[in-house]
Amino acid sequence: MKTGKRLLRYGLLYKKIIIAALIMLTISAAADLAGPFIAKKVIDQHILGVESVWYETSKGKSELSVKYDGHYYKREKYFSKNEAKGKKIRVLQAGSDFVIVNKDLKFDGKRSFKDGALTVKNGSKKTVYPASTLTGSEVLKFSQPEIPKIIQLLALYFGLLVISAFFNIARGSCYKHQQIALSKKCVKMYLRISKGFQLNILIIYQLERLLRGLRMIRKPFVSYM
């Protein structure tokens, strides 16, 4: 119990440093944990988002629309609540090819493309859809609306890495300062103990000399008696 009270008393002397270190640790851990979530969002919603449902838009050219075959298309998530949706298409990857299908899939599974037909197999189920291949430049066009958002998320991720590194360094500095303070305190305590120990040895030595003197005085007195 006494040791716990001593540690608590010592901790209260450096409570500001300890609280600052805990805050820095929390921010650093949060920044580290946010990284995988950002990466997941970039992959699932933006890189693979090109395979989501697209609708023809009547608003024409915009930052979120893509021109294909003389018409403008936009991802379903970018339509406003009351905005009219036109023809539905899907952009899908089958092996190394990207194809476009003019309807939604009944189910998803293993895809293969051959001779203008997309085949989707899922266990015993099999469906064939008429499809056309996309060139590399056309695939890039469908990915174009996502690029600014990917850049923003990557910049956020990089910023979080910088924040995490900064707070890790700051936390290490606080810990080092605390170690130095602890070392100084330990040195002072050691000097006090050593000084007290030396004083005790000196007292014991003087007592031994006194006892020897008393024995020497006692011996002649006893022999005389």
C-alpha atoms as a PDB file:
ATOM      1  CA  MET A   1       0.000   0.000   0.000  1.00  0.00           C
ATOM      2  CA  LYS A   2       2.836   2.360   0.879  1.00  0.00           C
ATOM      3  CA  THR A   3       4.515   1.643  -2.473  1.00  0.00           C
ATOM      4  CA  GLY A   4       1.250   2.429  -4.314  1.00  0.00           C
ATOM      5  CA  LYS A   5       0.865   5.705  -2.454  1.00  0.00           C
ATOM      6  CA  ARG A   6       4.456   6.632  -3.279  1.00  0.00           C
ATOM      7  CA  LEU A   7       3.915   5.902  -6.961  1.00  0.00           C
ATOM      8  CA  LEU A   8       0.674   7.900  -6.958  1.00  0.00           C
ATOM      9  CA  ARG A   9       2.382  10.803  -5.205  1.00  0.00           C
ATOM     10  CA  TYR A  10       5.211  10.672  -7.717  1.00  0.00           C
ATOM     11  CA  GLY A  11       2.775  10.459 -10.654  1.00  0.00           C
ATOM     12  CA  LEU A  12       0.874  13.529  -9.462  1.00  0.00           C
ATOM     13  CA  LEU A  13       4.097  15.534  -9.669  1.00  0.00           C
ATOM     14  CA  TYR A  14       4.183  14.861 -13.434  1.00  0.00           C
ATOM     15  CA  LYS A  15       0.444  14.653 -14.107  1.00  0.00           C
ATOM     16  CA  LYS A  16       0.566  17.232 -16.917  1.00  0.00           C
ATOM     17  CA  ILE A  17       3.228  15.250 -18.769  1.00  0.00           C
ATOM     18  CA  ILE A  18       1.354  11.959 -18.210  1.00  0.00           C
ATOM     19  CA  ILE A  19      -1.980  13.418 -19.398  1.00  0.00           C
ATOM     20  CA  ALA A  20      -0.294  14.952 -22.466  1.00  0.00           C
ATOM     21  CA  ALA A  21       1.360  11.602 -23.273  1.00  0.00           C
ATOM     22  CA  LEU A  22      -1.973   9.768 -22.953  1.00  0.00           C
ATOM     23  CA  ILE A  23      -3.695  12.283 -25.265  1.00  0.00           C
ATOM     24  CA  MET A  24      -0.877  11.929 -27.807  1.00  0.00           C
ATOM     25  CA  LEU A  25      -1.087   8.131 -27.573  1.00  0.00           C
ATOM     26  CA  THR A  26      -4.857   8.247 -28.206  1.00  0.00           C
ATOM     27  CA  ILE A  27      -4.513  10.538 -31.244  1.00  0.00           C
ATOM     28  CA  SER A  28      -1.631   8.476 -32.622  1.00  0.00           C
ATOM     29  CA  ALA A  29      -3.555   5.197 -32.213  1.00  0.00           C
ATOM     30  CA  ALA A  30      -6.692   6.708 -33.810  1.00  0.00           C
ATOM     31  CA  ALA A  31      -4.648   7.962 -36.781  1.00  0.00           C
ATOM     32  CA  ASP A  32      -3.039   4.520 -37.220  1.00  0.00           C
ATOM     33  CA  LEU A  33      -6.403   2.725 -37.043  1.00  0.00           C
ATOM     34  CA  ALA A  34      -8.044   5.125 -39.524  1.00  0.00           C
ATOM     35  CA  GLY A  35      -5.603   4.100 -42.279  1.00  0.00           C
ATOM     36  CA  PRO A  36      -7.110   0.657 -43.070  1.00  0.00           C
ATOM     37  CA  PHE A  37     -10.653   2.120 -43.107  1.00  0.00           C
ATOM     38  CA  ILE A  38      -9.591   4.776 -45.612  1.00  0.00           C
ATOM     39  CA  ALA A  39      -7.861   2.148 -47.775  1.00  0.00           C
ATOM     40  CA  LYS A  40     -11.009  -0.014 -47.665  1.00  0.00           C
ATOM     41  CA  LYS A  41     -13.169   2.920 -48.740  1.00  0.00           C
ATOM     42  CA  VAL A  42     -10.806   3.758 -51.626  1.00  0.00           C
ATOM     43  CA  ILE A  43     -10.877   0.163 -52.893  1.00  0.00           C
ATOM     44  CA  ASP A  44     -14.523  -0.764 -52.302  1.00  0.00           C
ATOM     45  CA  GLN A  45     -16.297   2.485 -53.142  1.00  0.00           C
ATOM     46  CA  HIS A  46     -14.042   4.108 -55.721  1.00  0.00           C
ATOM     47  CA  ILE A  47     -11.687   1.649 -57.426  1.00  0.00           C
ATOM     48  CA  LEU A  48     -14.234  -1.205 -57.555  1.00  0.00           C
ATOM     49  CA  GLY A  49     -17.113   1.274 -57.657  1.00  0.00           C
ATOM     50  CA  VAL A  50     -16.853   1.339 -61.437  1.00  0.00           C
ATOM     51  CA  GLU A  51     -18.706  -2.009 -61.370  1.00  0.00           C
ATOM     52  CA  SER A  52     -21.766  -0.522 -59.679  1.00  0.00           C
ATOM     53  CA  VAL A  53     -25.022   0.311 -61.466  1.00  0.00           C
ATOM     54  CA  TRP A  54     -24.938   3.210 -63.950  1.00  0.00           C
ATOM     55  CA  TYR A  55     -27.949   5.126 -65.298  1.00  0.00           C
ATOM     56  CA  GLU A  56     -28.296   7.411 -68.273  1.00  0.00           C
ATOM     57  CA  THR A  57     -28.615  11.018 -67.111  1.00  0.00           C
ATOM     58  CA  SER A  58     -30.567  13.783 -68.807  1.00  0.00           C
ATOM     59  CA  LYS A  59     -28.332  16.510 -67.320  1.00  0.00           C
ATOM     60  CA  GLY A  60     -25.581  15.809 -69.820  1.00  0.00           C
ATOM     61  CA  LYS A  61     -21.925  16.489 -69.166  1.00  0.00           C
ATOM     62  CA  SER A  62     -20.760  16.987 -65.581  1.00  0.00           C
ATOM     63  CA  GLU A  63     -17.860  16.051 -63.293  1.00  0.00           C
ATOM     64  CA  LEU A  64     -19.689  12.863 -62.248  1.00  0.00           C
ATOM     65  CA  SER A  65     -20.983  11.753 -65.659  1.00  0.00           C
ATOM     66  CA  VAL A  66     -19.265   9.693 -68.364  1.00  0.00           C
ATOM     67  CA  LYS A  67     -19.942   9.829 -72.103  1.00  0.00           C
ATOM     68  CA  TYR A  68     -20.371   6.441 -73.761  1.00  0.00           C
ATOM     69  CA  ASP A  69     -21.876   5.653 -77.161  1.00  0.00           C
ATOM     70  CA  GLY A  70     -23.232   9.207 -77.504  1.00  0.00           C
ATOM     71  CA  HIS A  71     -25.011   9.200 -74.109  1.00  0.00           C
ATOM     72  CA  TYR A  72     -24.029  10.377 -70.629  1.00  0.00           C
ATOM     73  CA  TYR A  73     -24.130   7.939 -67.706  1.00  0.00           C
ATOM     74  CA  LYS A  74     -23.729   8.423 -63.979  1.00  0.00           C
ATOM     75  CA  ARG A  75     -23.363   6.077 -61.020  1.00  0.00           C
ATOM     76  CA  GLU A  76     -26.554   5.414 -59.091  1.00  0.00           C
ATOM     77  CA  LYS A  77     -25.130   6.871 -55.853  1.00  0.00           C
ATOM     78  CA  TYR A  78     -24.523  10.254 -57.533  1.00  0.00           C
ATOM     79  CA  PHE A  79     -28.146  10.796 -58.553  1.00  0.00           C
ATOM     80  CA  SER A  80     -30.128  13.244 -56.441  1.00  0.00           C
ATOM     81  CA  LYS A  81     -33.375  12.114 -54.832  1.00  0.00           C
ATOM     82  CA  ASN A  82     -35.764  13.446 -57.506  1.00  0.00           C
ATOM     83  CA  GLU A  83     -33.437  13.203 -60.493  1.00  0.00           C
ATOM     84  CA  ALA A  84     -34.758  11.139 -63.413  1.00  0.00           C
ATOM     85  CA  LYS A  85     -32.887   7.946 -64.271  1.00  0.00           C
ATOM     86  CA  GLY A  86     -32.604   6.670 -67.805  1.00  0.00           C
ATOM     87  CA  LYS A  87     -31.325   3.393 -69.237  1.00  0.00           C
ATOM     88  CA  LYS A  88     -29.454   1.101 -66.818  1.00  0.00           C
ATOM     89  CA  ILE A  89     -26.038  -0.379 -67.637  1.00  0.00           C
ATOM     90  CA  ARG A  90     -23.381  -2.341 -65.758  1.00  0.00           C
ATOM     91  CA  VAL A  91     -19.614  -2.205 -66.216  1.00  0.00           C
ATOM     92  CA  LEU A  92     -18.147  -5.571 -65.211  1.00  0.00           C
ATOM     93  CA  GLN A  93     -14.774  -7.258 -65.244  1.00  0.00           C
ATOM     94  CA  ALA A  94     -14.503 -10.740 -66.691  1.00  0.00           C
ATOM     95  CA  GLY A  95     -10.963 -12.044 -66.514  1.00  0.00           C
ATOM     96  CA  SER A  96      -8.721  -9.394 -68.062  1.00  0.00           C
ATOM     97  CA  ASP A  97     -11.587  -7.779 -70.008  1.00  0.00           C
ATOM     98  CA  PHE A  98     -14.013  -5.053 -69.004  1.00  0.00           C
ATOM     99  CA  VAL A  99     -17.441  -5.407 -70.579  1.00  0.00           C
ATOM    100  CA  ILE A 100     -20.641  -3.404 -70.562  1.00  0.00           C
ATOM    101  CA  VAL A 101     -24.063  -5.024 -70.092  1.00  0.00           C
ATOM    102  CA  ASN A 102     -27.380  -3.240 -70.745  1.00  0.00           C
ATOM    103  CA  LYS A 103     -29.166  -4.772 -67.754  1.00  0.00           C
ATOM    104  CA  ASP A 104     -28.542  -5.672 -64.139  1.00  0.00           C
ATOM    105  CA  LEU A 105     -27.334  -9.156 -63.168  1.00  0.00           C
ATOM    106  CA  LYS A 106     -29.807 -11.608 -61.626  1.00  0.00           C
ATOM    107  CA  PHE A 107     -26.956 -12.962 -59.491  1.00  0.00           C
ATOM    108  CA  ASP A 108     -23.192 -12.641 -59.415  1.00  0.00           C
ATOM    109  CA  GLY A 109     -20.578 -15.356 -59.605  1.00  0.00           C
ATOM    110  CA  LYS A 110     -17.697 -16.514 -61.768  1.00  0.00           C
ATOM    111  CA  ARG A 111     -17.636 -14.447 -64.962  1.00  0.00           C
ATOM    112  CA  SER A 112     -16.296 -15.264 -68.391  1.00  0.00           C
ATOM    113  CA  PHE A 113     -16.554 -13.396 -71.695  1.00  0.00           C
ATOM    114  CA  LYS A 114     -16.436 -14.908 -75.158  1.00  0.00           C
ATOM    115  CA  ASP A 115     -17.844 -13.961 -78.574  1.00  0.00           C
ATOM    116  CA  GLY A 116     -19.916 -11.017 -77.287  1.00  0.00           C
ATOM    117  CA  ALA A 117     -21.522 -12.978 -74.444  1.00  0.00           C
ATOM    118  CA  LEU A 118     -20.914 -12.637 -70.698  1.00  0.00           C
ATOM    119  CA  THR A 119     -21.467 -15.905 -68.820  1.00  0.00           C
ATOM    120  CA  VAL A 120     -22.053 -15.825 -65.060  1.00  0.00           C
ATOM    121  CA  LYS A 121     -21.913 -19.093 -63.102  1.00  0.00           C
ATOM    122  CA  ASN A 122     -22.832 -19.562 -59.465  1.00  0.00           C
ATOM    123  CA  GLY A 123     -22.920 -23.214 -58.476  1.00  0.00           C
ATOM    124  CA  SER A 124     -25.545 -24.927 -60.650  1.00  0.00           C
ATOM    125  CA  LYS A 125     -26.956 -21.600 -61.839  1.00  0.00           C
ATOM    126  CA  LYS A 126     -25.809 -20.108 -65.123  1.00  0.00           C
ATOM    127  CA  THR A 127     -26.894 -16.992 -67.023  1.00  0.00           C
ATOM    128  CA  VAL A 128     -25.671 -15.506 -70.301  1.00  0.00           C
ATOM    129  CA  TYR A 129     -25.909 -11.786 -71.121  1.00  0.00           C
ATOM    130  CA  PRO A 130     -25.105  -9.995 -74.381  1.00  0.00           C
ATOM    131  CA  ALA A 131     -22.162  -7.699 -73.728  1.00  0.00           C
ATOM    132  CA  SER A 132     -19.584  -5.563 -75.504  1.00  0.00           C
ATOM    133  CA  THR A 133     -15.959  -4.994 -74.535  1.00  0.00           C
ATOM    134  CA  LEU A 134     -14.584  -1.669 -73.387  1.00  0.00           C
ATOM    135  CA  THR A 135     -11.266  -0.270 -74.569  1.00  0.00           C
ATOM    136  CA  GLY A 136      -8.640   0.918 -72.090  1.00  0.00           C
ATOM    137  CA  SER A 137      -9.548   4.582 -72.680  1.00  0.00           C
ATOM    138  CA  GLU A 138     -13.258   3.829 -72.126  1.00  0.00           C
ATOM    139  CA  VAL A 139     -12.517   2.036 -68.834  1.00  0.00           C
ATOM    140  CA  LEU A 140     -10.444   5.058 -67.791  1.00  0.00           C
ATOM    141  CA  LYS A 141     -13.410   7.336 -68.586  1.00  0.00           C
ATOM    142  CA  PHE A 142     -15.678   5.333 -66.267  1.00  0.00           C
ATOM    143  CA  SER A 143     -13.011   5.568 -63.556  1.00  0.00           C
ATOM    144  CA  GLN A 144     -12.442   9.314 -64.066  1.00  0.00           C
ATOM    145  CA  PRO A 145     -15.218  10.574 -61.678  1.00  0.00           C
ATOM    146  CA  GLU A 146     -13.614   8.628 -58.822  1.00  0.00           C
ATOM    147  CA  ILE A 147     -10.046   9.925 -59.252  1.00  0.00           C
ATOM    148  CA  PRO A 148     -10.517  13.277 -57.370  1.00  0.00           C
ATOM    149  CA  LYS A 149     -12.125  11.422 -54.448  1.00  0.00           C
ATOM    150  CA  ILE A 150      -9.303   8.862 -54.399  1.00  0.00           C
ATOM    151  CA  ILE A 151      -6.735  11.683 -54.332  1.00  0.00           C
ATOM    152  CA  GLN A 152      -8.594  13.387 -51.448  1.00  0.00           C
ATOM    153  CA  LEU A 153      -8.702  10.169 -49.415  1.00  0.00           C
ATOM    154  CA  LEU A 154      -5.025   9.438 -50.104  1.00  0.00           C
ATOM    155  CA  ALA A 155      -4.135  12.990 -49.012  1.00  0.00           C
ATOM    156  CA  LEU A 156      -6.167  12.442 -45.827  1.00  0.00           C
ATOM    157  CA  TYR A 157      -4.366   9.125 -45.246  1.00  0.00           C
ATOM    158  CA  PHE A 158      -0.966  10.787 -45.738  1.00  0.00           C
ATOM    159  CA  GLY A 159      -1.985  13.587 -43.348  1.00  0.00           C
ATOM    160  CA  LEU A 160      -2.981  11.040 -40.708  1.00  0.00           C
ATOM    161  CA  LEU A 161       0.397   9.312 -41.117  1.00  0.00           C
ATOM    162  CA  VAL A 162       2.157  12.653 -40.535  1.00  0.00           C
ATOM    163  CA  ILE A 163      -0.012  13.346 -37.458  1.00  0.00           C
ATOM    164  CA  SER A 164       0.663   9.847 -36.118  1.00  0.00           C
ATOM    165  CA  ALA A 165       4.427  10.249 -36.628  1.00  0.00           C
ATOM    166  CA  PHE A 166       4.408  13.696 -34.990  1.00  0.00           C
ATOM    167  CA  PHE A 167       2.537  12.525 -31.886  1.00  0.00           C
ATOM    168  CA  ASN A 168       4.712   9.404 -31.624  1.00  0.00           C
ATOM    169  CA  ILE A 169       7.809  11.625 -31.582  1.00  0.00           C
ATOM    170  CA  ALA A 170       6.200  14.031 -29.094  1.00  0.00           C
ATOM    171  CA  ARG A 171       5.114  11.135 -26.865  1.00  0.00           C
ATOM    172  CA  GLY A 172       8.650   9.727 -26.993  1.00  0.00           C
ATOM    173  CA  SER A 173      10.008  13.142 -25.999  1.00  0.00           C
ATOM    174  CA  CYS A 174       7.635  13.299 -23.010  1.00  0.00           C
ATOM    175  CA  TYR A 175       8.617   9.773 -21.999  1.00  0.00           C
ATOM    176  CA  LYS A 176      12.309  10.664 -22.276  1.00  0.00           C
ATOM    177  CA  HIS A 177      11.772  13.799 -20.175  1.00  0.00           C
ATOM    178  CA  GLN A 178       9.964  11.700 -17.588  1.00  0.00           C
ATOM    179  CA  GLN A 179      12.806   9.157 -17.584  1.00  0.00           C
ATOM    180  CA  ILE A 180      15.368  11.925 -17.017  1.00  0.00           C
ATOM    181  CA  ALA A 181      13.277  13.337 -14.174  1.00  0.00           C
ATOM    182  CA  LEU A 182      12.943   9.872 -12.677  1.00  0.00           C
ATOM    183  CA  SER A 183      16.688   9.276 -13.005  1.00  0.00           C
ATOM    184  CA  LYS A 184      17.448  12.547 -11.197  1.00  0.00           C
ATOM    185  CA  LYS A 185      15.032  11.656  -8.420  1.00  0.00           C
ATOM    186  CA  CYS A 186      16.555   8.181  -8.126  1.00  0.00           C
ATOM    187  CA  VAL A 187      20.046   9.690  -7.867  1.00  0.00           C
ATOM    188  CA  LYS A 188      18.896  12.047  -5.088  1.00  0.00           C
ATOM    189  CA  MET A 189      17.251   9.173  -3.213  1.00  0.00           C
ATOM    190  CA  TYR A 190      20.413   7.070  -3.617  1.00  0.00           C
ATOM    191  CA  LEU A 191      22.587   9.860  -2.262  1.00  0.00           C
ATOM    192  CA  ARG A 192      20.264  10.298   0.713  1.00  0.00           C
ATOM    193  CA  ILE A 193      20.256   6.572   1.424  1.00  0.00           C
ATOM    194  CA  SER A 194      24.017   6.360   0.971  1.00  0.00           C
ATOM    195  CA  LYS A 195      24.567   9.322   3.268  1.00  0.00           C
ATOM    196  CA  GLY A 196      22.274   7.807   5.894  1.00  0.00           C
ATOM    197  CA  PHE A 197      23.964   4.447   5.490  1.00  0.00           C
ATOM    198  CA  GLN A 198      27.414   5.996   5.950  1.00  0.00           C
ATOM    199  CA  LEU A 199      26.179   7.835   9.037  1.00  0.00           C
ATOM    200  CA  ASN A 200      24.801   4.603  10.499  1.00  0.00           C
ATOM    201  CA  ILE A 201      28.102   2.814   9.883  1.00  0.00           C
ATOM    202  CA  LEU A 202      29.944   5.645  11.630  1.00  0.00           C
ATOM    203  CA  ILE A 203      27.612   5.453  14.657  1.00  0.00           C
ATOM    204  CA  ILE A 204      28.001   1.657  14.848  1.00  0.00           C
ATOM    205  CA  TYR A 205      31.781   2.030  14.630  1.00  0.00           C
ATOM    206  CA  GLN A 206      31.819   4.558  17.452  1.00  0.00           C
ATOM    207  CA  LEU A 207      29.570   2.318  19.579  1.00  0.00           C
ATOM    208  CA  GLU A 208      31.919  -0.615  19.022  1.00  0.00           C
ATOM    209  CA  ARG A 209      34.878   1.497  20.126  1.00  0.00           C
ATOM    210  CA  LEU A 210      32.944   2.562  23.235  1.00  0.00           C
ATOM    211  CA  LEU A 211      32.077  -1.060  24.073  1.00  0.00           C
ATOM    212  CA  ARG A 212      35.713  -2.102  23.663  1.00  0.00           C
ATOM    213  CA  GLY A 213      36.780   0.674  25.993  1.00  0.00           C
ATOM    214  CA  LEU A 214      34.222  -0.392  28.595  1.00  0.00           C
ATOM    215  CA  ARG A 215      35.437  -4.014  28.368  1.00  0.00           C
ATOM    216  CA  MET A 216      39.030  -2.894  28.908  1.00  0.00           C
ATOM    217  CA  ILE A 217      38.023  -0.883  31.979  1.00  0.00           C
ATOM    218  CA  ARG A 218      35.867  -3.747  33.312  1.00  0.00           C
ATOM    219  CA  LYS A 219      38.601  -6.428  33.113  1.00  0.00           C
ATOM    220  CA  PRO A 220      41.036  -4.868  35.769  1.00  0.00           C
ATOM    221  CA  PHE A 221      38.089  -4.045  37.968  1.00  0.00           C
ATOM    222  CA  VAL A 222      36.841  -7.648  37.911  1.00  0.00           C
ATOM    223  CA  SER A 223      40.317  -9.104  38.562  1.00  0.00           C
ATOM    224  CA  TYR A 224      40.754  -6.740  41.498  1.00  0.00           C
ATOM    225  CA  MET A 225      37.447  -7.901  42.985  1.00  0.00           C
END
